[in-house]
């Protein structure tokens, strides 16, 4: 929530993408992960591609 360092955020999203297949779907849908991806990252052009890949993986 507090990081404003774009390269770090991008790498974090790419790491999340690699681990999404191992995260239980219950956890994903019981938290605000999907909303955070859509509202916080999908709206930023730099993060849009990797965010879409994360959402597709979910």
PDB file of N, CA and C in Angstrom:
ATOM      1  N   UNK A   1       0.800  -1.201   0.000  1.00  0.00           N
ATOM      2  CA  UNK A   1       0.000   0.000   0.000  1.00  0.00           C
ATOM      3  C   UNK A   1       0.842   1.264   0.000  1.00  0.00           C
ATOM      4  N   UNK A   2       1.994   1.214   0.646  1.00  0.00           N
ATOM      5  CA  UNK A   2       2.738   2.450   0.851  1.00  0.00           C
ATOM      6  C   UNK A   2       3.894   2.655  -0.117  1.00  0.00           C
ATOM      7  N   UNK A   3       4.299   1.605  -0.823  1.00  0.00           N
ATOM      8  CA  UNK A   3       5.436   1.743  -1.716  1.00  0.00           C
ATOM      9  C   UNK A   3       5.048   2.565  -2.940  1.00  0.00           C
ATOM     10  N   UNK A   4       5.913   3.457  -3.310  1.00  0.00           N
ATOM     11  CA  UNK A   4       5.693   4.277  -4.499  1.00  0.00           C
ATOM     12  C   UNK A   4       6.857   4.112  -5.475  1.00  0.00           C
ATOM     13  N   UNK A   5       7.606   3.039  -5.313  1.00  0.00           N
ATOM     14  CA  UNK A   5       8.765   2.767  -6.158  1.00  0.00           C
ATOM     15  C   UNK A   5       8.316   1.829  -7.289  1.00  0.00           C
ATOM     16  N   UNK A   6       7.994   2.368  -8.466  1.00  0.00           N
ATOM     17  CA  UNK A   6       7.404   1.564  -9.542  1.00  0.00           C
ATOM     18  C   UNK A   6       8.168   0.295  -9.923  1.00  0.00           C
ATOM     19  N   UNK A   7       9.499   0.329 -10.056  1.00  0.00           N
ATOM     20  CA  UNK A   7      10.181  -0.925 -10.413  1.00  0.00           C
ATOM     21  C   UNK A   7       9.987  -2.026  -9.365  1.00  0.00           C
ATOM     22  N   UNK A   8       9.973  -1.654  -8.097  1.00  0.00           N
ATOM     23  CA  UNK A   8       9.751  -2.637  -7.040  1.00  0.00           C
ATOM     24  C   UNK A   8       8.330  -3.189  -7.112  1.00  0.00           C
ATOM     25  N   UNK A   9       7.367  -2.340  -7.359  1.00  0.00           N
ATOM     26  CA  UNK A   9       5.983  -2.790  -7.480  1.00  0.00           C
ATOM     27  C   UNK A   9       5.811  -3.726  -8.669  1.00  0.00           C
ATOM     28  N   UNK A  10       6.467  -3.422  -9.765  1.00  0.00           N
ATOM     29  CA  UNK A  10       6.380  -4.269 -10.951  1.00  0.00           C
ATOM     30  C   UNK A  10       6.948  -5.657 -10.671  1.00  0.00           C
ATOM     31  N   UNK A  11       8.100  -5.719 -10.045  1.00  0.00           N
ATOM     32  CA  UNK A  11       8.709  -7.010  -9.710  1.00  0.00           C
ATOM     33  C   UNK A  11       7.834  -7.773  -8.715  1.00  0.00           C
ATOM     34  N   UNK A  12       7.217  -7.062  -7.795  1.00  0.00           N
ATOM     35  CA  UNK A  12       6.322  -7.701  -6.829  1.00  0.00           C
ATOM     36  C   UNK A  12       5.118  -8.315  -7.534  1.00  0.00           C
ATOM     37  N   UNK A  13       4.551  -7.610  -8.487  1.00  0.00           N
ATOM     38  CA  UNK A  13       3.429  -8.158  -9.252  1.00  0.00           C
ATOM     39  C   UNK A  13       3.858  -9.372 -10.067  1.00  0.00           C
ATOM     40  N   UNK A  14       5.043  -9.319 -10.645  1.00  0.00           N
ATOM     41  CA  UNK A  14       5.551 -10.460 -11.412  1.00  0.00           C
ATOM     42  C   UNK A  14       5.774 -11.669 -10.506  1.00  0.00           C
ATOM     43  N   UNK A  15       6.226 -11.420  -9.287  1.00  0.00           N
ATOM     44  CA  UNK A  15       6.407 -12.503  -8.319  1.00  0.00           C
ATOM     45  C   UNK A  15       5.055 -13.078  -7.914  1.00  0.00           C
ATOM     46  N   UNK A  16       4.090 -12.208  -7.666  1.00  0.00           N
ATOM     47  CA  UNK A  16       2.740 -12.668  -7.345  1.00  0.00           C
ATOM     48  C   UNK A  16       2.208 -13.564  -8.454  1.00  0.00           C
ATOM     49  N   UNK A  17       2.430 -13.181  -9.687  1.00  0.00           N
ATOM     50  CA  UNK A  17       1.973 -13.972 -10.827  1.00  0.00           C
ATOM     51  C   UNK A  17       2.515 -15.394 -10.761  1.00  0.00           C
ATOM     52  N   UNK A  18       3.774 -15.540 -10.385  1.00  0.00           N
ATOM     53  CA  UNK A  18       4.401 -16.868 -10.305  1.00  0.00           C
ATOM     54  C   UNK A  18       3.816 -17.725  -9.182  1.00  0.00           C
ATOM     55  N   UNK A  19       3.333 -17.086  -8.128  1.00  0.00           N
ATOM     56  CA  UNK A  19       2.828 -17.826  -6.972  1.00  0.00           C
ATOM     57  C   UNK A  19       1.313 -18.007  -6.969  1.00  0.00           C
ATOM     58  N   UNK A  20       0.600 -17.330  -7.839  1.00  0.00           N
ATOM     59  CA  UNK A  20      -0.864 -17.394  -7.811  1.00  0.00           C
ATOM     60  C   UNK A  20      -1.410 -18.807  -7.962  1.00  0.00           C
ATOM     61  N   UNK A  21      -0.746 -19.628  -8.732  1.00  0.00           N
ATOM     62  CA  UNK A  21      -1.252 -20.994  -8.929  1.00  0.00           C
ATOM     63  C   UNK A  21      -1.184 -21.817  -7.647  1.00  0.00           C
ATOM     64  N   UNK A  22      -0.383 -21.394  -6.677  1.00  0.00           N
ATOM     65  CA  UNK A  22      -0.246 -22.120  -5.415  1.00  0.00           C
ATOM     66  C   UNK A  22      -1.095 -21.527  -4.294  1.00  0.00           C
ATOM     67  N   UNK A  23      -1.675 -20.371  -4.517  1.00  0.00           N
ATOM     68  CA  UNK A  23      -2.494 -19.733  -3.485  1.00  0.00           C
ATOM     69  C   UNK A  23      -3.910 -20.305  -3.579  1.00  0.00           C
ATOM     70  N   UNK A  24      -4.459 -20.787  -2.468  1.00  0.00           N
ATOM     71  CA  UNK A  24      -5.828 -21.329  -2.509  1.00  0.00           C
ATOM     72  C   UNK A  24      -6.833 -20.274  -2.991  1.00  0.00           C
ATOM     73  N   UNK A  25      -7.747 -20.708  -3.852  1.00  0.00           N
ATOM     74  CA  UNK A  25      -8.742 -19.775  -4.387  1.00  0.00           C
ATOM     75  C   UNK A  25      -9.572 -19.144  -3.283  1.00  0.00           C
ATOM     76  N   UNK A  26      -9.827 -19.885  -2.228  1.00  0.00           N
ATOM     77  CA  UNK A  26     -10.582 -19.331  -1.108  1.00  0.00           C
ATOM     78  C   UNK A  26      -9.916 -18.097  -0.546  1.00  0.00           C
ATOM     79  N   UNK A  27      -8.592 -18.152  -0.411  1.00  0.00           N
ATOM     80  CA  UNK A  27      -7.867 -16.990   0.109  1.00  0.00           C
ATOM     81  C   UNK A  27      -7.986 -15.811  -0.852  1.00  0.00           C
ATOM     82  N   UNK A  28      -7.845 -16.100  -2.120  1.00  0.00           N
ATOM     83  CA  UNK A  28      -7.884 -15.026  -3.120  1.00  0.00           C
ATOM     84  C   UNK A  28      -9.232 -14.314  -3.092  1.00  0.00           C
ATOM     85  N   UNK A  29     -10.314 -15.087  -3.014  1.00  0.00           N
ATOM     86  CA  UNK A  29     -11.644 -14.482  -3.095  1.00  0.00           C
ATOM     87  C   UNK A  29     -12.184 -14.022  -1.750  1.00  0.00           C
ATOM     88  N   UNK A  30     -11.581 -14.450  -0.647  1.00  0.00           N
ATOM     89  CA  UNK A  30     -12.018 -13.979   0.669  1.00  0.00           C
ATOM     90  C   UNK A  30     -11.276 -12.714   1.099  1.00  0.00           C
ATOM     91  N   UNK A  31     -10.280 -12.322   0.337  1.00  0.00           N
ATOM     92  CA  UNK A  31      -9.542 -11.099   0.635  1.00  0.00           C
ATOM     93  C   UNK A  31      -9.870 -10.069  -0.441  1.00  0.00           C
ATOM     94  N   UNK A  32      -9.249  -8.921  -0.342  1.00  0.00           N
ATOM     95  CA  UNK A  32      -9.490  -7.875  -1.341  1.00  0.00           C
ATOM     96  C   UNK A  32      -8.437  -7.894  -2.453  1.00  0.00           C
ATOM     97  N   UNK A  33      -7.806  -9.058  -2.669  1.00  0.00           N
ATOM     98  CA  UNK A  33      -6.734  -9.145  -3.658  1.00  0.00           C
ATOM     99  C   UNK A  33      -7.204  -8.756  -5.059  1.00  0.00           C
ATOM    100  N   UNK A  34      -8.330  -9.289  -5.496  1.00  0.00           N
ATOM    101  CA  UNK A  34      -8.814  -8.989  -6.850  1.00  0.00           C
ATOM    102  C   UNK A  34      -9.138  -7.503  -6.978  1.00  0.00           C
ATOM    103  N   UNK A  35      -9.823  -6.950  -5.994  1.00  0.00           N
ATOM    104  CA  UNK A  35     -10.147  -5.518  -6.038  1.00  0.00           C
ATOM    105  C   UNK A  35      -8.887  -4.668  -6.035  1.00  0.00           C
ATOM    106  N   UNK A  36      -7.905  -5.051  -5.239  1.00  0.00           N
ATOM    107  CA  UNK A  36      -6.648  -4.298  -5.203  1.00  0.00           C
ATOM    108  C   UNK A  36      -5.957  -4.343  -6.554  1.00  0.00           C
ATOM    109  N   UNK A  37      -5.922  -5.514  -7.165  1.00  0.00           N
ATOM    110  CA  UNK A  37      -5.299  -5.621  -8.487  1.00  0.00           C
ATOM    111  C   UNK A  37      -6.007  -4.717  -9.494  1.00  0.00           C
ATOM    112  N   UNK A  38      -7.324  -4.737  -9.467  1.00  0.00           N
ATOM    113  CA  UNK A  38      -8.090  -3.950 -10.441  1.00  0.00           C
ATOM    114  C   UNK A  38      -7.997  -2.455 -10.155  1.00  0.00           C
ATOM    115  N   UNK A  39      -8.266  -2.067  -8.923  1.00  0.00           N
ATOM    116  CA  UNK A  39      -8.369  -0.641  -8.595  1.00  0.00           C
ATOM    117  C   UNK A  39      -7.024   0.055  -8.446  1.00  0.00           C
ATOM    118  N   UNK A  40      -6.027  -0.660  -7.962  1.00  0.00           N
ATOM    119  CA  UNK A  40      -4.743  -0.019  -7.690  1.00  0.00           C
ATOM    120  C   UNK A  40      -3.755  -0.166  -8.837  1.00  0.00           C
ATOM    121  N   UNK A  41      -3.715  -1.343  -9.449  1.00  0.00           N
ATOM    122  CA  UNK A  41      -2.663  -1.604 -10.423  1.00  0.00           C
ATOM    123  C   UNK A  41      -3.128  -1.603 -11.873  1.00  0.00           C
ATOM    124  N   UNK A  42      -4.321  -2.100 -12.147  1.00  0.00           N
ATOM    125  CA  UNK A  42      -4.774  -2.183 -13.534  1.00  0.00           C
ATOM    126  C   UNK A  42      -4.938  -0.809 -14.165  1.00  0.00           C
ATOM    127  N   UNK A  43      -5.210   0.186 -13.361  1.00  0.00           N
ATOM    128  CA  UNK A  43      -5.418   1.539 -13.886  1.00  0.00           C
ATOM    129  C   UNK A  43      -4.120   2.238 -14.266  1.00  0.00           C
ATOM    130  N   UNK A  44      -2.984   1.680 -13.857  1.00  0.00           N
ATOM    131  CA  UNK A  44      -1.680   2.289 -14.146  1.00  0.00           C
ATOM    132  C   UNK A  44      -1.080   1.588 -15.370  1.00  0.00           C
ATOM    133  N   UNK A  45      -0.840   2.311 -16.452  1.00  0.00           N
ATOM    134  CA  UNK A  45      -0.340   1.680 -17.673  1.00  0.00           C
ATOM    135  C   UNK A  45       0.895   0.795 -17.478  1.00  0.00           C
ATOM    136  N   UNK A  46       1.805   1.213 -16.626  1.00  0.00           N
ATOM    137  CA  UNK A  46       3.036   0.442 -16.414  1.00  0.00           C
ATOM    138  C   UNK A  46       2.752  -0.950 -15.836  1.00  0.00           C
ATOM    139  N   UNK A  47       1.685  -1.065 -15.053  1.00  0.00           N
ATOM    140  CA  UNK A  47       1.364  -2.326 -14.384  1.00  0.00           C
ATOM    141  C   UNK A  47       0.243  -3.097 -15.073  1.00  0.00           C
ATOM    142  N   UNK A  48      -0.347  -2.532 -16.095  1.00  0.00           N
ATOM    143  CA  UNK A  48      -1.550  -3.120 -16.690  1.00  0.00           C
ATOM    144  C   UNK A  48      -1.322  -4.531 -17.232  1.00  0.00           C
ATOM    145  N   UNK A  49      -0.250  -4.757 -17.955  1.00  0.00           N
ATOM    146  CA  UNK A  49      -0.031  -6.078 -18.560  1.00  0.00           C
ATOM    147  C   UNK A  49       0.144  -7.167 -17.518  1.00  0.00           C
ATOM    148  N   UNK A  50       1.004  -6.930 -16.548  1.00  0.00           N
ATOM    149  CA  UNK A  50       1.239  -7.961 -15.536  1.00  0.00           C
ATOM    150  C   UNK A  50       0.009  -8.141 -14.654  1.00  0.00           C
ATOM    151  N   UNK A  51      -0.730  -7.069 -14.404  1.00  0.00           N
ATOM    152  CA  UNK A  51      -1.963  -7.184 -13.619  1.00  0.00           C
ATOM    153  C   UNK A  51      -2.987  -8.022 -14.369  1.00  0.00           C
ATOM    154  N   UNK A  52      -3.116  -7.810 -15.657  1.00  0.00           N
ATOM    155  CA  UNK A  52      -4.038  -8.604 -16.462  1.00  0.00           C
ATOM    156  C   UNK A  52      -3.618 -10.071 -16.461  1.00  0.00           C
ATOM    157  N   UNK A  53      -2.336 -10.324 -16.511  1.00  0.00           N
ATOM    158  CA  UNK A  53      -1.849 -11.707 -16.439  1.00  0.00           C
ATOM    159  C   UNK A  53      -2.194 -12.338 -15.092  1.00  0.00           C
ATOM    160  N   UNK A  54      -2.087 -11.563 -14.013  1.00  0.00           N
ATOM    161  CA  UNK A  54      -2.470 -12.062 -12.686  1.00  0.00           C
ATOM    162  C   UNK A  54      -3.960 -12.379 -12.651  1.00  0.00           C
ATOM    163  N   UNK A  55      -4.770 -11.476 -13.157  1.00  0.00           N
ATOM    164  CA  UNK A  55      -6.214 -11.695 -13.155  1.00  0.00           C
ATOM    165  C   UNK A  55      -6.588 -12.891 -14.022  1.00  0.00           C
ATOM    166  N   UNK A  56      -5.898 -13.084 -15.120  1.00  0.00           N
ATOM    167  CA  UNK A  56      -6.144 -14.243 -15.974  1.00  0.00           C
ATOM    168  C   UNK A  56      -5.778 -15.531 -15.252  1.00  0.00           C
ATOM    169  N   UNK A  57      -4.692 -15.515 -14.522  1.00  0.00           N
ATOM    170  CA  UNK A  57      -4.267 -16.695 -13.761  1.00  0.00           C
ATOM    171  C   UNK A  57      -5.291 -17.060 -12.692  1.00  0.00           C
ATOM    172  N   UNK A  58      -5.891 -16.040 -12.088  1.00  0.00           N
ATOM    173  CA  UNK A  58      -6.910 -16.290 -11.056  1.00  0.00           C
ATOM    174  C   UNK A  58      -8.121 -16.918 -11.708  1.00  0.00           C
TER     175      UNK A  58
END
